[in-house]
Amino acid sequence: MYICICNAIRETDLRKAALTSGGDAETTYACLGKRPNCGQCLGKAGEIIDQERALAGQHASCEKVAV
């Protein structure tokens, strides 16, 4: 699914970028070589970024316990 129509940013690309960038949606877009145009996507993009980072944090804590 496309999250940002202006920049053709897919949810999967945004989720991957969220794990390698710090900061908000605009910072994550910059990691993809993009920048917000109309800005209507930033709220939803921010939710997805937060969700992906939270999931990654849960996986990291599970790995520590399993070792």
N, C-alpha and C. Protein backbone atom coordinates (compact mmCIF):
# COMPACT_ATOMS: atom_id res chain seq x y z
N MET A 1 0.84 -1.16 0.00
CA MET A 1 0.00 0.00 0.00
C MET A 1 0.90 1.25 0.00
N TYR A 2 0.48 2.23 -0.74
CA TYR A 2 1.21 3.50 -0.77
C TYR A 2 0.80 4.35 0.43
N ILE A 3 1.80 4.84 1.14
CA ILE A 3 1.57 5.74 2.26
C ILE A 3 1.63 7.18 1.77
N CYS A 4 2.58 7.47 0.91
CA CYS A 4 2.74 8.81 0.35
C CYS A 4 2.58 8.73 -1.16
N ILE A 5 1.48 9.24 -1.65
CA ILE A 5 1.21 9.22 -3.08
C ILE A 5 2.15 10.18 -3.81
N CYS A 6 2.42 11.34 -3.24
CA CYS A 6 3.27 12.34 -3.89
C CYS A 6 4.66 11.79 -4.21
N ASN A 7 5.20 10.98 -3.30
CA ASN A 7 6.55 10.44 -3.46
C ASN A 7 6.57 8.95 -3.78
N ALA A 8 5.41 8.34 -3.94
CA ALA A 8 5.28 6.91 -4.22
C ALA A 8 6.05 6.08 -3.18
N ILE A 9 5.84 6.39 -1.89
CA ILE A 9 6.49 5.65 -0.81
C ILE A 9 5.52 4.57 -0.33
N ARG A 10 5.98 3.34 -0.43
CA ARG A 10 5.17 2.20 0.00
C ARG A 10 5.37 1.95 1.50
N GLU A 11 4.38 1.33 2.10
CA GLU A 11 4.46 1.03 3.53
C GLU A 11 5.67 0.16 3.84
N THR A 12 5.97 -0.82 3.01
CA THR A 12 7.12 -1.70 3.27
C THR A 12 8.42 -0.91 3.26
N ASP A 13 8.56 0.03 2.33
CA ASP A 13 9.77 0.86 2.26
C ASP A 13 9.88 1.76 3.49
N LEU A 14 8.74 2.30 3.92
CA LEU A 14 8.73 3.17 5.08
C LEU A 14 9.12 2.40 6.34
N ARG A 15 8.61 1.18 6.47
CA ARG A 15 8.93 0.35 7.64
C ARG A 15 10.42 0.02 7.69
N LYS A 16 11.01 -0.31 6.55
CA LYS A 16 12.45 -0.60 6.50
C LYS A 16 13.26 0.64 6.87
N ALA A 17 12.88 1.78 6.33
CA ALA A 17 13.59 3.02 6.61
C ALA A 17 13.45 3.44 8.07
N ALA A 18 12.34 3.11 8.69
CA ALA A 18 12.10 3.47 10.09
C ALA A 18 13.13 2.82 11.01
N LEU A 19 13.62 1.66 10.61
CA LEU A 19 14.58 0.93 11.44
C LEU A 19 16.01 1.45 11.29
N THR A 20 16.27 2.17 10.23
CA THR A 20 17.63 2.67 10.00
C THR A 20 17.76 4.16 10.24
N SER A 21 16.64 4.84 10.45
CA SER A 21 16.69 6.28 10.68
C SER A 21 16.16 6.59 12.06
N GLY A 22 16.59 7.69 12.58
CA GLY A 22 16.02 8.19 13.84
C GLY A 22 15.21 9.41 13.52
N GLY A 23 14.27 9.72 14.35
CA GLY A 23 13.51 10.94 14.12
C GLY A 23 12.11 10.68 13.60
N ASP A 24 11.51 11.73 13.12
CA ASP A 24 10.12 11.71 12.71
C ASP A 24 9.95 11.26 11.26
N ALA A 25 8.74 11.42 10.75
CA ALA A 25 8.43 11.00 9.39
C ALA A 25 9.28 11.76 8.36
N GLU A 26 9.46 13.05 8.56
CA GLU A 26 10.25 13.83 7.61
C GLU A 26 11.69 13.33 7.54
N THR A 27 12.26 12.98 8.68
CA THR A 27 13.62 12.45 8.73
C THR A 27 13.69 11.09 8.03
N THR A 28 12.67 10.28 8.24
CA THR A 28 12.63 8.97 7.61
C THR A 28 12.46 9.12 6.10
N TYR A 29 11.65 10.05 5.66
CA TYR A 29 11.51 10.31 4.23
C TYR A 29 12.86 10.70 3.64
N ALA A 30 13.63 11.51 4.36
CA ALA A 30 14.94 11.95 3.88
C ALA A 30 15.86 10.76 3.66
N CYS A 31 15.76 9.75 4.51
CA CYS A 31 16.56 8.53 4.31
C CYS A 31 16.21 7.82 3.02
N LEU A 32 15.00 8.04 2.56
CA LEU A 32 14.56 7.45 1.29
C LEU A 32 14.84 8.38 0.11
N GLY A 33 15.47 9.51 0.39
CA GLY A 33 15.76 10.49 -0.66
C GLY A 33 14.54 11.30 -1.07
N LYS A 34 13.58 11.40 -0.17
CA LYS A 34 12.33 12.10 -0.45
C LYS A 34 12.10 13.18 0.59
N ARG A 35 11.11 14.01 0.33
CA ARG A 35 10.65 14.98 1.32
C ARG A 35 9.15 15.18 1.13
N PRO A 36 8.44 15.47 2.18
CA PRO A 36 6.99 15.62 2.07
C PRO A 36 6.62 16.74 1.12
N ASN A 37 5.59 16.52 0.35
CA ASN A 37 5.08 17.56 -0.54
C ASN A 37 3.82 18.18 0.04
N CYS A 38 2.72 17.48 0.00
CA CYS A 38 1.47 18.05 0.51
C CYS A 38 1.34 17.86 2.02
N GLY A 39 1.99 16.84 2.57
CA GLY A 39 2.00 16.62 4.01
C GLY A 39 0.83 15.84 4.58
N GLN A 40 -0.13 15.45 3.74
CA GLN A 40 -1.29 14.73 4.25
C GLN A 40 -0.94 13.34 4.79
N CYS A 41 0.18 12.80 4.38
CA CYS A 41 0.58 11.45 4.78
C CYS A 41 1.36 11.41 6.09
N LEU A 42 1.82 12.53 6.57
CA LEU A 42 2.75 12.55 7.69
C LEU A 42 2.18 11.94 8.98
N GLY A 43 0.92 12.13 9.25
CA GLY A 43 0.31 11.55 10.44
C GLY A 43 0.33 10.03 10.40
N LYS A 44 -0.15 9.48 9.31
CA LYS A 44 -0.17 8.02 9.15
C LYS A 44 1.24 7.47 9.08
N ALA A 45 2.13 8.15 8.38
CA ALA A 45 3.52 7.71 8.29
C ALA A 45 4.15 7.67 9.67
N GLY A 46 3.89 8.66 10.49
CA GLY A 46 4.43 8.69 11.84
C GLY A 46 3.94 7.52 12.68
N GLU A 47 2.66 7.17 12.52
CA GLU A 47 2.11 6.02 13.25
C GLU A 47 2.79 4.72 12.83
N ILE A 48 3.02 4.56 11.54
CA ILE A 48 3.67 3.35 11.03
C ILE A 48 5.11 3.27 11.52
N ILE A 49 5.80 4.38 11.50
CA ILE A 49 7.19 4.44 11.95
C ILE A 49 7.27 4.06 13.43
N ASP A 50 6.41 4.65 14.24
CA ASP A 50 6.39 4.33 15.67
C ASP A 50 6.08 2.86 15.91
N GLN A 51 5.12 2.35 15.17
CA GLN A 51 4.74 0.95 15.30
C GLN A 51 5.90 0.02 14.94
N GLU A 52 6.57 0.31 13.85
CA GLU A 52 7.68 -0.55 13.41
C GLU A 52 8.83 -0.52 14.41
N ARG A 53 9.12 0.64 14.94
CA ARG A 53 10.20 0.73 15.93
C ARG A 53 9.83 0.02 17.22
N ALA A 54 8.57 0.08 17.62
CA ALA A 54 8.12 -0.62 18.81
C ALA A 54 8.23 -2.13 18.61
N LEU A 55 7.83 -2.61 17.45
CA LEU A 55 7.95 -4.04 17.15
C LEU A 55 9.40 -4.49 17.15
N ALA A 56 10.27 -3.67 16.61
CA ALA A 56 11.70 -4.00 16.58
C ALA A 56 12.25 -4.05 18.00
N GLY A 57 11.79 -3.17 18.86
CA GLY A 57 12.22 -3.16 20.25
C GLY A 57 11.78 -4.40 21.00
N GLN A 58 10.58 -4.89 20.68
CA GLN A 58 10.09 -6.11 21.31
C GLN A 58 10.92 -7.31 20.88
N HIS A 59 11.29 -7.36 19.61
CA HIS A 59 12.09 -8.47 19.10
C HIS A 59 13.47 -8.46 19.72
N ALA A 60 14.02 -7.27 19.91
CA ALA A 60 15.36 -7.16 20.49
C ALA A 60 15.35 -7.67 21.94
N SER A 61 14.32 -7.33 22.70
CA SER A 61 14.27 -7.79 24.08
C SER A 61 14.04 -9.30 24.16
N CYS A 62 13.33 -9.87 23.21
CA CYS A 62 13.12 -11.32 23.18
C CYS A 62 14.44 -12.05 22.87
N GLU A 63 15.24 -11.47 21.99
CA GLU A 63 16.52 -12.08 21.66
C GLU A 63 17.45 -12.11 22.87
N LYS A 64 17.42 -11.06 23.67
CA LYS A 64 18.28 -11.01 24.86
C LYS A 64 17.88 -12.07 25.86
N VAL A 65 16.59 -12.31 26.00
CA VAL A 65 16.10 -13.30 26.94
C VAL A 65 16.46 -14.71 26.45
N ALA A 66 16.36 -14.93 25.14
CA ALA A 66 16.60 -16.26 24.57
C ALA A 66 18.05 -16.68 24.63
N VAL A 67 18.97 -15.74 24.71
CA VAL A 67 20.40 -16.06 24.72
C VAL A 67 20.81 -16.58 26.01
